[in-house]
């Protein structure tokens, strides 16, 4: 059988398993926590004034996080993979050189330390056994590479082995690149597994604020007594929340006095169900932290960021939420102040 054909041996399994373990540990150390990664999503879109990304964030924040995560993961993983493959390539080439040296030395060494009569025929296995006992193959790479040595070469005397081996066209140095490519393919498959596993950690909780759609920053499957919470609330208008009986979008942030003391109901509830926000959350969203009132002056920078984002994405968001430009109640002073930041 040709060297490397249908490799499913211990060498590949061990290399891939070892790589996966090391990759998981290394990449996890560089991947941010759910809270940090959720904040990065806000920074990449709203803070950086990347309006297309703001739209992606508002449309599907978890999907937007996945795109950011893939970029982050692939950058780290590709650097790690390149380094590991280069190391493996060097290691395998060194092991092959060690084996070739053993082949060339065998003719002189074996007669002085006969393991069997030449008349019985000498095989590759005899060479491997001889030099393994002599400690010639010492490193893990040296021992691993022996799995791929052609074992069906038979000569009548040791002095003929080198000539037959090097003329066979099946020397190990001819398959080094293929060995490494097969290992690299297996490494990539392991990285794909690691990518999915770490995503469950990195994405955190997928719940979003019932009013504005901002993402909860806690860990995925966090403890039941930990209520959902988010650091950067938005205007409910981003999510398409409107005043009852109108097509007018709401521009009071969730932590504003107007929102907390205002009266709310869900779309499937009767008019008589209106109640203040704390009661609304307790009855409809008991697993969410009730927003506290925060003075606008204490969040000036945050308000400015989301105002800029709204002004410069509003046409598409209005269309998404079924609001015509005539029905748009975006404050005129916002448009005059922030539309230049497009």
Protein backbone atom coordinates (compact mmCIF):
# COMPACT_ATOMS: atom_id res chain seq x y z
CA UNK A 1 0.00 0.00 0.00
CA UNK A 2 1.29 3.49 -0.82
CA UNK A 3 2.62 5.55 2.05
CA UNK A 4 -0.03 7.74 3.73
CA UNK A 5 -2.93 6.17 1.90
CA UNK A 6 -6.02 6.21 4.08
CA UNK A 7 -4.26 7.43 7.21
CA UNK A 8 -6.39 6.76 10.30
CA UNK A 9 -3.62 5.69 12.61
CA UNK A 10 -2.56 6.53 16.12
CA UNK A 11 -0.15 9.23 14.97
CA UNK A 12 -2.86 11.37 13.39
CA UNK A 13 -5.34 10.76 16.21
CA UNK A 14 -2.85 11.76 18.86
CA UNK A 15 -1.66 14.82 16.98
CA UNK A 16 -5.21 16.03 16.36
CA UNK A 17 -6.31 15.38 19.94
CA UNK A 18 -3.29 17.16 21.37
CA UNK A 19 -3.82 20.10 19.03
CA UNK A 20 -7.50 20.41 19.92
CA UNK A 21 -6.76 20.51 23.63
CA UNK A 22 -4.02 23.12 23.22
CA UNK A 23 -6.10 25.20 20.80
CA UNK A 24 -9.12 25.24 23.11
CA UNK A 25 -7.06 26.47 26.05
CA UNK A 26 -5.09 29.01 24.05
CA UNK A 27 -8.05 30.53 22.19
CA UNK A 28 -10.34 30.61 25.23
CA UNK A 29 -7.75 32.73 27.04
CA UNK A 30 -7.96 35.30 24.23
CA UNK A 31 -11.73 35.25 23.69
CA UNK A 32 -13.62 37.79 25.77
CA UNK A 33 -16.25 37.06 28.40
CA UNK A 34 -19.95 37.35 27.43
CA UNK A 35 -20.19 40.75 29.12
CA UNK A 36 -17.06 42.09 27.42
CA UNK A 37 -18.05 40.67 24.04
CA UNK A 38 -21.55 42.13 24.28
CA UNK A 39 -19.98 45.51 25.02
CA UNK A 40 -17.62 45.08 22.05
CA UNK A 41 -20.65 44.58 19.81
CA UNK A 42 -22.05 47.93 20.99
CA UNK A 43 -18.68 49.64 20.54
CA UNK A 44 -18.10 48.25 17.04
CA UNK A 45 -21.46 49.58 15.89
CA UNK A 46 -22.78 52.51 17.90
CA UNK A 47 -19.53 53.88 19.32
CA UNK A 48 -17.59 53.53 16.05
CA UNK A 49 -20.48 55.08 14.08
CA UNK A 50 -20.62 52.09 11.73
CA UNK A 51 -24.19 52.55 10.60
CA UNK A 52 -24.50 49.27 8.66
CA UNK A 53 -23.37 47.44 11.76
CA UNK A 54 -25.87 49.37 13.86
CA UNK A 55 -28.59 48.06 11.56
CA UNK A 56 -27.24 44.51 11.90
CA UNK A 57 -27.14 44.89 15.69
CA UNK A 58 -30.77 46.07 15.77
CA UNK A 59 -32.03 43.42 13.37
CA UNK A 60 -30.43 40.43 15.10
CA UNK A 61 -27.96 41.16 17.87
CA UNK A 62 -26.99 37.50 18.36
CA UNK A 63 -26.39 37.11 14.64
CA UNK A 64 -24.29 40.27 14.71
CA UNK A 65 -22.29 38.88 17.63
CA UNK A 66 -21.72 35.67 15.67
CA UNK A 67 -20.18 37.64 12.81
CA UNK A 68 -17.87 39.49 15.20
CA UNK A 69 -17.01 36.27 16.98
CA UNK A 70 -16.10 34.52 13.73
CA UNK A 71 -13.73 37.35 12.81
CA UNK A 72 -12.14 37.26 16.25
CA UNK A 73 -11.89 33.47 16.42
CA UNK A 74 -10.56 33.03 12.88
CA UNK A 75 -7.86 35.63 13.44
CA UNK A 76 -6.60 33.85 16.57
CA UNK A 77 -7.09 30.34 15.18
CA UNK A 78 -5.33 30.98 11.87
CA UNK A 79 -2.26 32.37 13.65
CA UNK A 80 -2.22 29.36 15.97
CA UNK A 81 -2.73 26.91 13.11
CA UNK A 82 0.06 28.44 11.04
CA UNK A 83 2.48 28.18 13.95
CA UNK A 84 1.52 24.59 14.78
CA UNK A 85 1.74 23.43 11.16
CA UNK A 86 5.14 25.04 10.76
CA UNK A 87 6.36 23.34 13.94
CA UNK A 88 4.94 20.01 12.79
CA UNK A 89 6.56 20.38 9.37
CA UNK A 90 9.96 21.03 10.95
CA UNK A 91 9.52 18.16 13.40
CA UNK A 92 8.45 15.65 10.75
CA UNK A 93 11.31 16.62 8.44
CA UNK A 94 13.77 16.16 11.30
CA UNK A 95 12.29 12.73 12.10
CA UNK A 96 12.53 11.68 8.44
CA UNK A 97 16.15 12.79 8.36
CA UNK A 98 16.78 10.64 11.44
CA UNK A 99 15.24 7.63 9.74
CA UNK A 100 17.21 8.19 6.53
CA UNK A 101 20.38 8.37 8.61
CA UNK A 102 19.48 5.05 10.22
CA UNK A 103 18.96 3.48 6.81
CA UNK A 104 22.40 4.60 5.65
CA UNK A 105 24.02 3.44 8.85
CA UNK A 106 22.39 0.04 9.02
CA UNK A 107 24.77 -1.74 6.68
CA UNK A 108 27.69 -0.93 8.93
CA UNK A 109 25.94 -1.42 12.23
CA UNK A 110 23.91 -4.59 11.80
CA UNK A 111 26.73 -7.05 11.07
CA UNK A 112 28.33 -6.10 14.35
CA UNK A 113 25.08 -6.63 16.24
CA UNK A 114 23.27 -9.36 14.35
CA UNK A 115 19.69 -9.94 15.33
CA UNK A 116 19.13 -12.68 12.75
CA UNK A 117 20.89 -14.37 9.90
CA UNK A 118 20.99 -12.46 6.65
CA UNK A 119 19.74 -15.54 4.91
CA UNK A 120 16.36 -15.12 6.58
CA UNK A 121 15.87 -11.83 4.74
CA UNK A 122 15.96 -8.42 6.37
CA UNK A 123 12.96 -6.08 6.49
CA UNK A 124 12.19 -2.52 7.47
CA UNK A 125 10.86 -3.82 10.76
CA UNK A 126 14.26 -5.31 11.56
CA UNK A 127 15.81 -1.89 11.05
CA UNK A 128 13.19 -0.18 13.22
CA UNK A 129 13.53 -2.77 15.99
CA UNK A 130 17.29 -2.55 15.93
CA UNK A 131 17.57 1.20 16.16
CA UNK A 132 14.70 1.56 18.62
CA UNK A 133 16.53 -0.73 21.03
CA UNK A 134 19.70 1.23 20.45
CA UNK A 135 17.93 4.48 21.35
CA UNK A 136 18.48 5.96 17.91
CA UNK A 137 14.87 7.10 17.72
CA UNK A 138 14.43 9.20 20.85
CA UNK A 139 11.94 12.03 20.30
CA UNK A 140 8.18 11.60 19.99
CA UNK A 141 8.40 12.74 16.38
CA UNK A 142 11.04 10.10 15.64
CA UNK A 143 8.84 7.38 17.08
CA UNK A 144 5.66 8.73 15.47
CA UNK A 145 7.13 8.82 11.99
CA UNK A 146 7.87 5.10 12.13
CA UNK A 147 4.14 4.47 11.69
CA UNK A 148 4.52 5.58 8.07
CA UNK A 149 7.67 3.74 7.07
CA UNK A 150 7.04 1.19 4.25
CA UNK A 151 7.28 -2.22 5.95
CA UNK A 152 7.26 -4.51 2.93
CA UNK A 153 10.85 -3.96 1.77
CA UNK A 154 12.81 -7.24 2.08
CA UNK A 155 16.51 -7.69 1.25
CA UNK A 156 18.83 -10.59 1.65
CA UNK A 157 21.51 -8.58 3.44
CA UNK A 158 21.64 -5.32 5.34
CA UNK A 159 24.11 -3.69 2.96
CA UNK A 160 21.45 -3.80 0.22
CA UNK A 161 18.69 -2.16 2.22
CA UNK A 162 19.70 1.45 1.70
CA UNK A 163 20.01 1.06 -2.07
CA UNK A 164 16.66 -0.71 -2.39
CA UNK A 165 14.92 1.78 -0.08
CA UNK A 166 16.19 4.94 -1.77
CA UNK A 167 15.50 3.59 -5.25
CA UNK A 168 11.99 2.45 -4.39
CA UNK A 169 10.49 5.92 -4.81
CA UNK A 170 8.81 5.44 -1.45
CA UNK A 171 11.24 7.22 0.82
CA UNK A 172 9.73 9.17 3.67
CA UNK A 173 10.99 12.57 2.56
CA UNK A 174 8.75 12.28 -0.52
CA UNK A 175 5.61 12.21 1.62
CA UNK A 176 6.45 14.77 4.29
CA UNK A 177 4.30 17.46 2.67
CA UNK A 178 1.38 15.10 2.33
CA UNK A 179 1.70 14.00 5.92
CA UNK A 180 1.64 17.59 7.09
CA UNK A 181 -1.31 18.48 4.85
CA UNK A 182 -3.32 15.55 6.19
CA UNK A 183 -2.53 16.65 9.74
CA UNK A 184 -3.43 20.26 8.89
CA UNK A 185 -6.81 19.15 7.54
CA UNK A 186 -7.45 17.28 10.77
CA UNK A 187 -6.37 20.34 12.77
CA UNK A 188 -8.85 22.51 10.88
CA UNK A 189 -11.64 20.05 11.66
CA UNK A 190 -10.73 20.22 15.33
CA UNK A 191 -10.72 24.02 15.19
CA UNK A 192 -14.24 23.90 13.79
CA UNK A 193 -15.30 21.91 16.86
CA UNK A 194 -13.53 24.36 19.18
CA UNK A 195 -15.19 27.28 17.40
CA UNK A 196 -18.66 25.97 18.08
CA UNK A 197 -17.85 25.03 21.68
CA UNK A 198 -16.36 28.42 22.54
CA UNK A 199 -19.24 30.24 20.83
CA UNK A 200 -21.64 28.87 23.44
CA UNK A 201 -19.41 30.53 26.04
CA UNK A 202 -18.77 33.77 24.21
CA UNK A 203 -22.28 34.63 23.05
CA UNK A 204 -23.63 34.50 26.57
CA UNK A 205 -27.35 34.88 27.18
CA UNK A 206 -29.34 35.50 24.01
CA UNK A 207 -32.24 37.33 25.68
CA UNK A 208 -32.82 40.96 24.71
CA UNK A 209 -34.51 43.82 26.53
CA UNK A 210 -38.29 43.67 25.96
CA UNK A 211 -38.36 47.41 25.26
CA UNK A 212 -35.25 48.34 23.29
CA UNK A 213 -33.73 45.05 22.16
CA UNK A 214 -30.35 45.53 23.88
CA UNK A 215 -28.72 42.19 24.70
CA UNK A 216 -28.36 40.66 28.15
CA UNK A 217 -24.67 40.42 28.97
CA UNK A 218 -24.82 37.52 31.44
CA UNK A 219 -23.52 34.03 30.68
CA UNK A 220 -25.56 31.58 28.69
CA UNK A 221 -27.83 29.50 30.96
CA UNK A 222 -27.03 31.75 33.90
CA UNK A 223 -28.53 30.85 37.26
CA UNK A 224 -32.33 31.31 37.49
CA UNK A 225 -32.08 33.82 40.33
CA UNK A 226 -29.89 36.05 38.16
CA UNK A 227 -32.26 38.30 36.24
CA UNK A 228 -31.41 39.39 32.71
CA UNK A 229 -29.69 42.75 32.49
CA UNK A 230 -27.90 44.90 29.96
CA UNK A 231 -25.44 47.74 30.22
CA UNK A 232 -26.34 49.80 27.16
CA UNK A 233 -30.07 50.35 26.77
CA UNK A 234 -31.30 51.97 23.55
CA UNK A 235 -34.38 53.91 22.51
CA UNK A 236 -37.39 51.58 22.11
CA UNK A 237 -37.72 53.14 18.63
CA UNK A 238 -34.80 50.96 17.47
CA UNK A 239 -37.01 47.94 18.16
CA UNK A 240 -40.12 49.51 16.66
CA UNK A 241 -41.98 50.22 19.93
CA UNK A 242 -44.78 52.77 19.40
CA UNK A 243 -47.19 54.78 21.50
CA UNK A 244 -50.55 53.09 21.84
CA UNK A 245 -52.96 53.78 19.01
CA UNK A 246 -50.38 55.66 16.90
CA UNK A 247 -47.54 55.00 14.51
CA UNK A 248 -45.28 57.22 16.60
CA UNK A 249 -42.03 55.64 17.76
CA UNK A 250 -40.82 55.94 21.36
CA UNK A 251 -37.59 57.88 21.96
CA UNK A 252 -37.43 57.61 25.75
CA UNK A 253 -34.54 55.35 26.77
CA UNK A 254 -35.51 52.48 29.10
CA UNK A 255 -33.75 54.10 32.07
CA UNK A 256 -35.42 57.48 31.63
CA UNK A 257 -37.96 58.87 34.12
CA UNK A 258 -40.51 58.96 31.29
CA UNK A 259 -40.12 55.23 30.62
CA UNK A 260 -39.93 53.99 34.22
CA UNK A 261 -42.90 56.09 35.35
CA UNK A 262 -44.77 55.76 32.06
CA UNK A 263 -47.56 53.25 31.52
CA UNK A 264 -47.07 50.13 29.40
CA UNK A 265 -48.91 47.13 28.08
CA UNK A 266 -48.13 44.32 25.68
CA UNK A 267 -49.76 44.23 22.24
CA UNK A 268 -51.95 41.27 23.17
CA UNK A 269 -53.29 42.89 26.35
CA UNK A 270 -56.47 45.01 26.70
CA UNK A 271 -56.37 48.76 27.17
CA UNK A 272 -57.18 48.29 30.84
CA UNK A 273 -53.83 46.52 31.33
CA UNK A 274 -51.70 49.69 31.22
CA UNK A 275 -49.37 49.91 34.27
CA UNK A 276 -46.10 51.54 35.23
CA UNK A 277 -42.93 49.92 33.94
CA UNK A 278 -41.96 48.09 37.18
CA UNK A 279 -45.38 46.43 37.32
CA UNK A 280 -45.28 45.73 33.58
CA UNK A 281 -41.92 43.96 33.95
CA UNK A 282 -43.00 42.02 37.02
CA UNK A 283 -46.07 40.63 35.28
CA UNK A 284 -44.79 40.15 31.73
CA UNK A 285 -41.02 39.83 32.08
CA UNK A 286 -40.29 38.69 35.64
CA UNK A 287 -36.89 37.31 34.61
CA UNK A 288 -35.68 40.80 33.60
CA UNK A 289 -34.11 43.40 35.86
CA UNK A 290 -36.38 46.44 36.15
CA UNK A 291 -34.50 49.48 34.80
CA UNK A 292 -33.58 52.13 37.34
CA UNK A 293 -34.01 55.81 36.50
CA UNK A 294 -30.74 57.32 35.32
CA UNK A 295 -30.40 61.07 34.81
CA UNK A 296 -29.81 61.92 31.16
CA UNK A 297 -26.95 64.18 32.19
CA UNK A 298 -25.18 61.18 33.71
CA UNK A 299 -25.45 59.36 30.38
CA UNK A 300 -24.81 62.25 28.03
CA UNK A 301 -22.16 60.46 25.95
CA UNK A 302 -24.32 57.35 25.64
CA UNK A 303 -27.38 59.36 24.57
CA UNK A 304 -25.31 61.23 22.01
CA UNK A 305 -24.07 57.97 20.53
CA UNK A 306 -27.49 56.41 20.12
CA UNK A 307 -28.95 59.65 18.79
CA UNK A 308 -26.28 59.78 16.10
CA UNK A 309 -26.96 56.14 15.29
CA UNK A 310 -30.71 56.68 15.06
CA UNK A 311 -30.47 59.79 12.90
CA UNK A 312 -28.14 58.11 10.42
CA UNK A 313 -30.04 54.81 10.18
CA UNK A 314 -33.58 56.07 10.69
CA UNK A 315 -34.76 55.88 7.07
CA UNK A 316 -34.17 52.15 6.90
CA UNK A 317 -35.40 51.61 10.45
CA UNK A 318 -38.58 53.60 9.73
CA UNK A 319 -39.19 51.39 6.71
CA UNK A 320 -38.46 48.27 8.75
CA UNK A 321 -41.02 49.30 11.38
CA UNK A 322 -43.70 50.49 8.95
CA UNK A 323 -43.39 54.19 9.66
CA UNK A 324 -43.56 56.70 6.80
CA UNK A 325 -41.31 59.75 6.67
CA UNK A 326 -44.40 61.90 7.25
CA UNK A 327 -45.01 60.01 10.49
CA UNK A 328 -41.39 60.32 11.60
CA UNK A 329 -41.18 62.21 14.92
CA UNK A 330 -37.41 62.19 15.20
CA UNK A 331 -36.57 65.50 16.95
CA UNK A 332 -35.55 68.04 14.33
CA UNK A 333 -32.64 69.24 16.47
CA UNK A 334 -31.19 65.72 16.44
CA UNK A 335 -31.23 65.62 12.67
CA UNK A 336 -29.64 69.05 12.37
CA UNK A 337 -26.95 68.16 14.91
CA UNK A 338 -26.08 64.60 13.99
CA UNK A 339 -26.89 63.90 10.34
CA UNK A 340 -23.49 65.24 9.33
CA UNK A 341 -21.93 62.25 11.10
CA UNK A 342 -22.98 59.91 8.29
